[in-house]
N, C-alpha and C. Protein backbone atom coordinates (compact mmCIF):
# COMPACT_ATOMS: atom_id res chain seq x y z
N MET A 1 -8.07 -7.98 -12.66
CA MET A 1 -8.89 -6.79 -12.71
C MET A 1 -7.97 -5.57 -12.80
N GLU A 2 -8.28 -4.67 -13.69
CA GLU A 2 -7.50 -3.45 -13.82
C GLU A 2 -7.94 -2.43 -12.78
N ALA A 3 -6.97 -1.68 -12.27
CA ALA A 3 -7.27 -0.66 -11.26
C ALA A 3 -8.03 0.49 -11.89
N THR A 4 -9.17 0.79 -11.33
CA THR A 4 -9.95 1.93 -11.75
C THR A 4 -10.43 2.63 -10.49
N ILE A 5 -10.17 3.91 -10.41
CA ILE A 5 -10.63 4.68 -9.26
C ILE A 5 -11.97 5.27 -9.63
N ARG A 6 -13.00 4.84 -8.89
CA ARG A 6 -14.35 5.36 -9.15
C ARG A 6 -15.17 5.26 -7.87
N THR A 7 -16.19 6.06 -7.80
CA THR A 7 -17.10 6.02 -6.66
C THR A 7 -18.11 4.89 -6.86
N GLY A 8 -18.74 4.51 -5.77
CA GLY A 8 -19.82 3.55 -5.86
C GLY A 8 -19.40 2.11 -6.03
N SER A 9 -18.13 1.80 -5.85
CA SER A 9 -17.71 0.41 -5.96
C SER A 9 -17.54 -0.17 -4.56
N ASP A 10 -17.47 -1.47 -4.48
CA ASP A 10 -17.28 -2.13 -3.19
C ASP A 10 -15.80 -2.30 -2.84
N VAL A 11 -14.93 -1.72 -3.62
CA VAL A 11 -13.49 -1.84 -3.41
C VAL A 11 -13.08 -1.11 -2.14
N THR A 12 -12.17 -1.72 -1.38
CA THR A 12 -11.58 -1.07 -0.21
C THR A 12 -10.21 -0.55 -0.59
N THR A 13 -9.96 0.70 -0.32
CA THR A 13 -8.67 1.32 -0.62
C THR A 13 -7.84 1.38 0.65
N LEU A 14 -6.59 0.94 0.55
CA LEU A 14 -5.65 0.99 1.66
C LEU A 14 -4.55 1.97 1.27
N VAL A 15 -4.41 3.03 2.06
CA VAL A 15 -3.37 4.02 1.82
C VAL A 15 -2.39 3.96 2.98
N ASN A 16 -1.13 3.73 2.66
CA ASN A 16 -0.06 3.74 3.66
C ASN A 16 0.86 4.90 3.34
N VAL A 17 1.04 5.78 4.32
CA VAL A 17 1.94 6.92 4.17
C VAL A 17 3.14 6.66 5.07
N PHE A 18 4.31 6.58 4.47
CA PHE A 18 5.54 6.30 5.20
C PHE A 18 6.39 7.57 5.27
N THR A 19 6.85 7.91 6.46
CA THR A 19 7.78 9.01 6.64
C THR A 19 9.16 8.40 6.82
N VAL A 20 10.13 8.92 6.07
CA VAL A 20 11.44 8.29 5.99
C VAL A 20 12.51 9.37 5.85
N GLU A 21 13.72 9.07 6.28
CA GLU A 21 14.85 9.97 6.01
C GLU A 21 15.15 9.91 4.51
N PRO A 22 15.48 11.04 3.91
CA PRO A 22 15.71 11.06 2.46
C PRO A 22 16.73 10.01 1.98
N ASP A 23 17.75 9.75 2.78
CA ASP A 23 18.75 8.75 2.38
C ASP A 23 18.16 7.34 2.28
N ASN A 24 17.03 7.11 2.93
CA ASN A 24 16.42 5.78 2.93
C ASN A 24 15.19 5.65 2.04
N GLN A 25 14.80 6.73 1.38
CA GLN A 25 13.57 6.67 0.60
C GLN A 25 13.63 5.61 -0.49
N GLN A 26 14.70 5.54 -1.24
CA GLN A 26 14.77 4.56 -2.33
C GLN A 26 14.80 3.14 -1.81
N LYS A 27 15.45 2.90 -0.66
CA LYS A 27 15.42 1.57 -0.04
C LYS A 27 13.99 1.18 0.33
N LEU A 28 13.27 2.14 0.90
CA LEU A 28 11.88 1.90 1.28
C LEU A 28 11.03 1.62 0.05
N VAL A 29 11.18 2.42 -0.98
CA VAL A 29 10.42 2.22 -2.22
C VAL A 29 10.70 0.83 -2.79
N GLN A 30 11.95 0.42 -2.76
CA GLN A 30 12.31 -0.91 -3.27
C GLN A 30 11.63 -2.01 -2.44
N LEU A 31 11.62 -1.86 -1.12
CA LEU A 31 10.93 -2.83 -0.26
C LEU A 31 9.44 -2.90 -0.57
N LEU A 32 8.82 -1.74 -0.78
CA LEU A 32 7.40 -1.70 -1.11
C LEU A 32 7.13 -2.41 -2.44
N LYS A 33 7.98 -2.15 -3.42
CA LYS A 33 7.82 -2.80 -4.73
C LYS A 33 7.98 -4.31 -4.61
N GLU A 34 9.02 -4.75 -3.89
CA GLU A 34 9.27 -6.18 -3.72
C GLU A 34 8.14 -6.85 -2.96
N GLY A 35 7.64 -6.18 -1.92
CA GLY A 35 6.53 -6.74 -1.14
C GLY A 35 5.30 -6.96 -2.00
N THR A 36 5.03 -6.00 -2.88
CA THR A 36 3.87 -6.13 -3.76
C THR A 36 4.07 -7.28 -4.74
N GLU A 37 5.25 -7.34 -5.34
CA GLU A 37 5.51 -8.36 -6.36
C GLU A 37 5.53 -9.77 -5.79
N THR A 38 6.09 -9.94 -4.58
CA THR A 38 6.29 -11.29 -4.06
C THR A 38 5.21 -11.76 -3.09
N PHE A 39 4.47 -10.84 -2.47
CA PHE A 39 3.51 -11.23 -1.44
C PHE A 39 2.10 -10.71 -1.72
N PHE A 40 1.94 -9.40 -1.70
CA PHE A 40 0.59 -8.81 -1.77
C PHE A 40 -0.16 -9.17 -3.05
N SER A 41 0.51 -9.12 -4.18
CA SER A 41 -0.17 -9.39 -5.45
C SER A 41 -0.67 -10.83 -5.56
N LYS A 42 -0.19 -11.70 -4.69
CA LYS A 42 -0.60 -13.10 -4.70
C LYS A 42 -1.67 -13.41 -3.66
N GLN A 43 -2.10 -12.40 -2.91
CA GLN A 43 -3.09 -12.59 -1.86
C GLN A 43 -4.51 -12.52 -2.43
N PRO A 44 -5.43 -13.33 -1.87
CA PRO A 44 -6.83 -13.25 -2.31
C PRO A 44 -7.38 -11.84 -2.08
N GLY A 45 -8.10 -11.33 -3.06
CA GLY A 45 -8.72 -10.02 -2.95
C GLY A 45 -7.87 -8.86 -3.43
N PHE A 46 -6.59 -9.12 -3.74
CA PHE A 46 -5.73 -8.04 -4.24
C PHE A 46 -6.21 -7.61 -5.62
N ILE A 47 -6.31 -6.29 -5.82
CA ILE A 47 -6.70 -5.75 -7.12
C ILE A 47 -5.53 -5.00 -7.75
N SER A 48 -4.96 -4.05 -7.00
CA SER A 48 -3.88 -3.24 -7.57
C SER A 48 -3.09 -2.56 -6.47
N SER A 49 -1.93 -2.07 -6.85
CA SER A 49 -1.10 -1.31 -5.92
C SER A 49 -0.24 -0.35 -6.72
N SER A 50 -0.03 0.82 -6.16
CA SER A 50 0.91 1.77 -6.75
C SER A 50 1.76 2.36 -5.64
N VAL A 51 3.01 2.60 -5.95
CA VAL A 51 3.96 3.17 -4.99
C VAL A 51 4.35 4.54 -5.49
N HIS A 52 4.31 5.52 -4.60
CA HIS A 52 4.64 6.90 -4.94
C HIS A 52 5.77 7.37 -4.03
N ALA A 53 6.75 8.06 -4.59
CA ALA A 53 7.84 8.65 -3.81
C ALA A 53 7.70 10.16 -3.88
N SER A 54 7.68 10.81 -2.72
CA SER A 54 7.57 12.27 -2.72
C SER A 54 8.84 12.88 -3.30
N LYS A 55 8.68 13.98 -3.96
CA LYS A 55 9.82 14.65 -4.59
C LYS A 55 10.79 15.22 -3.56
N GLU A 56 10.30 15.53 -2.34
CA GLU A 56 11.20 16.07 -1.31
C GLU A 56 11.95 14.97 -0.58
N GLY A 57 11.63 13.70 -0.87
CA GLY A 57 12.42 12.60 -0.35
C GLY A 57 12.05 12.09 1.03
N ARG A 58 11.05 12.67 1.68
CA ARG A 58 10.74 12.30 3.06
C ARG A 58 9.51 11.40 3.21
N ARG A 59 8.87 11.08 2.12
CA ARG A 59 7.68 10.24 2.21
C ARG A 59 7.61 9.26 1.04
N ALA A 60 6.95 8.17 1.30
CA ALA A 60 6.58 7.22 0.25
C ALA A 60 5.14 6.82 0.56
N ILE A 61 4.36 6.65 -0.47
CA ILE A 61 2.95 6.32 -0.31
C ILE A 61 2.66 5.06 -1.10
N ASN A 62 1.96 4.13 -0.47
CA ASN A 62 1.49 2.94 -1.15
C ASN A 62 -0.03 3.01 -1.18
N TYR A 63 -0.59 3.01 -2.37
CA TYR A 63 -2.04 3.09 -2.58
C TYR A 63 -2.45 1.75 -3.17
N SER A 64 -3.26 1.00 -2.45
CA SER A 64 -3.67 -0.30 -2.97
C SER A 64 -5.17 -0.47 -2.88
N GLN A 65 -5.68 -1.30 -3.78
CA GLN A 65 -7.11 -1.58 -3.82
C GLN A 65 -7.32 -3.07 -3.56
N TRP A 66 -8.32 -3.35 -2.73
CA TRP A 66 -8.63 -4.71 -2.32
C TRP A 66 -10.12 -4.96 -2.49
N ALA A 67 -10.48 -6.21 -2.69
CA ALA A 67 -11.89 -6.56 -2.86
C ALA A 67 -12.69 -6.27 -1.59
N SER A 68 -12.04 -6.40 -0.43
CA SER A 68 -12.76 -6.14 0.83
C SER A 68 -11.77 -5.85 1.95
N ALA A 69 -12.27 -5.24 3.01
CA ALA A 69 -11.45 -5.01 4.21
C ALA A 69 -11.06 -6.34 4.83
N GLY A 70 -11.90 -7.36 4.69
CA GLY A 70 -11.58 -8.69 5.21
C GLY A 70 -10.35 -9.28 4.56
N ASP A 71 -10.16 -9.01 3.26
CA ASP A 71 -8.96 -9.49 2.58
C ASP A 71 -7.71 -8.85 3.16
N ILE A 72 -7.80 -7.60 3.54
CA ILE A 72 -6.67 -6.90 4.17
C ILE A 72 -6.37 -7.52 5.53
N GLU A 73 -7.40 -7.77 6.31
CA GLU A 73 -7.21 -8.40 7.62
C GLU A 73 -6.58 -9.78 7.47
N ASN A 74 -6.98 -10.52 6.45
CA ASN A 74 -6.42 -11.86 6.25
C ASN A 74 -4.93 -11.82 5.94
N PHE A 75 -4.47 -10.92 5.07
CA PHE A 75 -3.04 -10.91 4.78
C PHE A 75 -2.25 -10.44 6.00
N ARG A 76 -2.84 -9.60 6.83
CA ARG A 76 -2.14 -9.14 8.03
C ARG A 76 -1.93 -10.27 9.03
N ARG A 77 -2.77 -11.29 8.98
CA ARG A 77 -2.63 -12.45 9.88
C ARG A 77 -1.61 -13.47 9.36
N ASP A 78 -1.23 -13.35 8.11
CA ASP A 78 -0.28 -14.30 7.52
C ASP A 78 1.07 -14.14 8.22
N PRO A 79 1.69 -15.24 8.69
CA PRO A 79 2.96 -15.13 9.41
C PRO A 79 4.10 -14.53 8.57
N ARG A 80 3.99 -14.58 7.26
CA ARG A 80 5.03 -13.99 6.40
C ARG A 80 4.98 -12.47 6.40
N PHE A 81 3.88 -11.90 6.89
CA PHE A 81 3.71 -10.45 6.89
C PHE A 81 4.55 -9.77 7.98
N ALA A 82 4.69 -10.38 9.14
CA ALA A 82 5.39 -9.76 10.28
C ALA A 82 6.84 -9.37 9.97
N PRO A 83 7.66 -10.24 9.37
CA PRO A 83 9.03 -9.83 9.07
C PRO A 83 9.09 -8.67 8.06
N TYR A 84 8.15 -8.67 7.13
CA TYR A 84 8.10 -7.59 6.14
C TYR A 84 7.80 -6.26 6.83
N ILE A 85 6.84 -6.26 7.73
CA ILE A 85 6.49 -5.03 8.46
C ILE A 85 7.67 -4.55 9.30
N ARG A 86 8.39 -5.47 9.91
CA ARG A 86 9.57 -5.08 10.70
C ARG A 86 10.62 -4.40 9.82
N SER A 87 10.80 -4.90 8.61
CA SER A 87 11.79 -4.29 7.71
C SER A 87 11.36 -2.88 7.30
N LEU A 88 10.04 -2.67 7.11
CA LEU A 88 9.55 -1.33 6.80
C LEU A 88 9.72 -0.40 8.00
N ALA A 89 9.41 -0.92 9.19
CA ALA A 89 9.50 -0.11 10.41
C ALA A 89 10.93 0.28 10.74
N ALA A 90 11.90 -0.52 10.31
CA ALA A 90 13.30 -0.18 10.54
C ALA A 90 13.72 1.04 9.73
N LEU A 91 13.00 1.33 8.65
CA LEU A 91 13.35 2.45 7.78
C LEU A 91 12.42 3.65 7.92
N SER A 92 11.22 3.44 8.45
CA SER A 92 10.21 4.49 8.35
C SER A 92 9.18 4.40 9.48
N LYS A 93 8.38 5.44 9.55
CA LYS A 93 7.19 5.46 10.41
C LYS A 93 6.00 5.45 9.47
N ALA A 94 5.02 4.58 9.75
CA ALA A 94 3.89 4.43 8.82
C ALA A 94 2.57 4.86 9.44
N GLU A 95 1.73 5.40 8.59
CA GLU A 95 0.33 5.67 8.93
C GLU A 95 -0.51 4.90 7.92
N THR A 96 -1.43 4.08 8.42
CA THR A 96 -2.28 3.25 7.57
C THR A 96 -3.71 3.74 7.64
N ILE A 97 -4.33 3.90 6.47
CA ILE A 97 -5.68 4.46 6.40
C ILE A 97 -6.52 3.60 5.45
N LEU A 98 -7.65 3.09 5.94
CA LEU A 98 -8.62 2.40 5.09
C LEU A 98 -9.60 3.44 4.57
N CYS A 99 -9.86 3.42 3.27
CA CYS A 99 -10.67 4.48 2.64
C CYS A 99 -11.70 3.90 1.69
N GLU A 100 -12.65 4.75 1.35
CA GLU A 100 -13.55 4.49 0.23
C GLU A 100 -13.48 5.73 -0.66
N VAL A 101 -13.61 5.53 -1.95
CA VAL A 101 -13.57 6.64 -2.89
C VAL A 101 -14.92 7.36 -2.84
N VAL A 102 -14.89 8.67 -2.60
CA VAL A 102 -16.13 9.44 -2.53
C VAL A 102 -16.25 10.48 -3.64
N GLU A 103 -15.18 10.75 -4.35
CA GLU A 103 -15.23 11.74 -5.44
C GLU A 103 -14.09 11.46 -6.41
N VAL A 104 -14.38 11.52 -7.70
CA VAL A 104 -13.39 11.38 -8.75
C VAL A 104 -13.68 12.44 -9.80
N ASN A 105 -12.65 13.14 -10.25
CA ASN A 105 -12.80 14.15 -11.30
C ASN A 105 -11.74 13.92 -12.37
N HIS A 106 -12.10 14.17 -13.60
CA HIS A 106 -11.18 14.02 -14.73
C HIS A 106 -11.21 15.29 -15.57
N ALA A 107 -10.10 15.54 -16.24
CA ALA A 107 -10.03 16.70 -17.13
C ALA A 107 -10.88 16.48 -18.35
């Protein structure tokens, strides 16, 4: 399924905002990319993921779409997830937000 941001869908959006020292931003971005390629993209309910690096170097954002909040809970219970989270926590502080799309505008 291709990622489409729109209102009125049953998709659950997971937004992770990571605060990081600028010297570690690229390491963090690489970990996020690798995690998506090797683990998350293979999980049931995964739809899409995008990684964003702030231009000031202190944040990285992972925006992902899942078929349901239950799919997110399931991957969090997978024993392979814990070491990955520890590696992210060693580089950054994370805030995790479950969302639904309520407004979309296009030019």
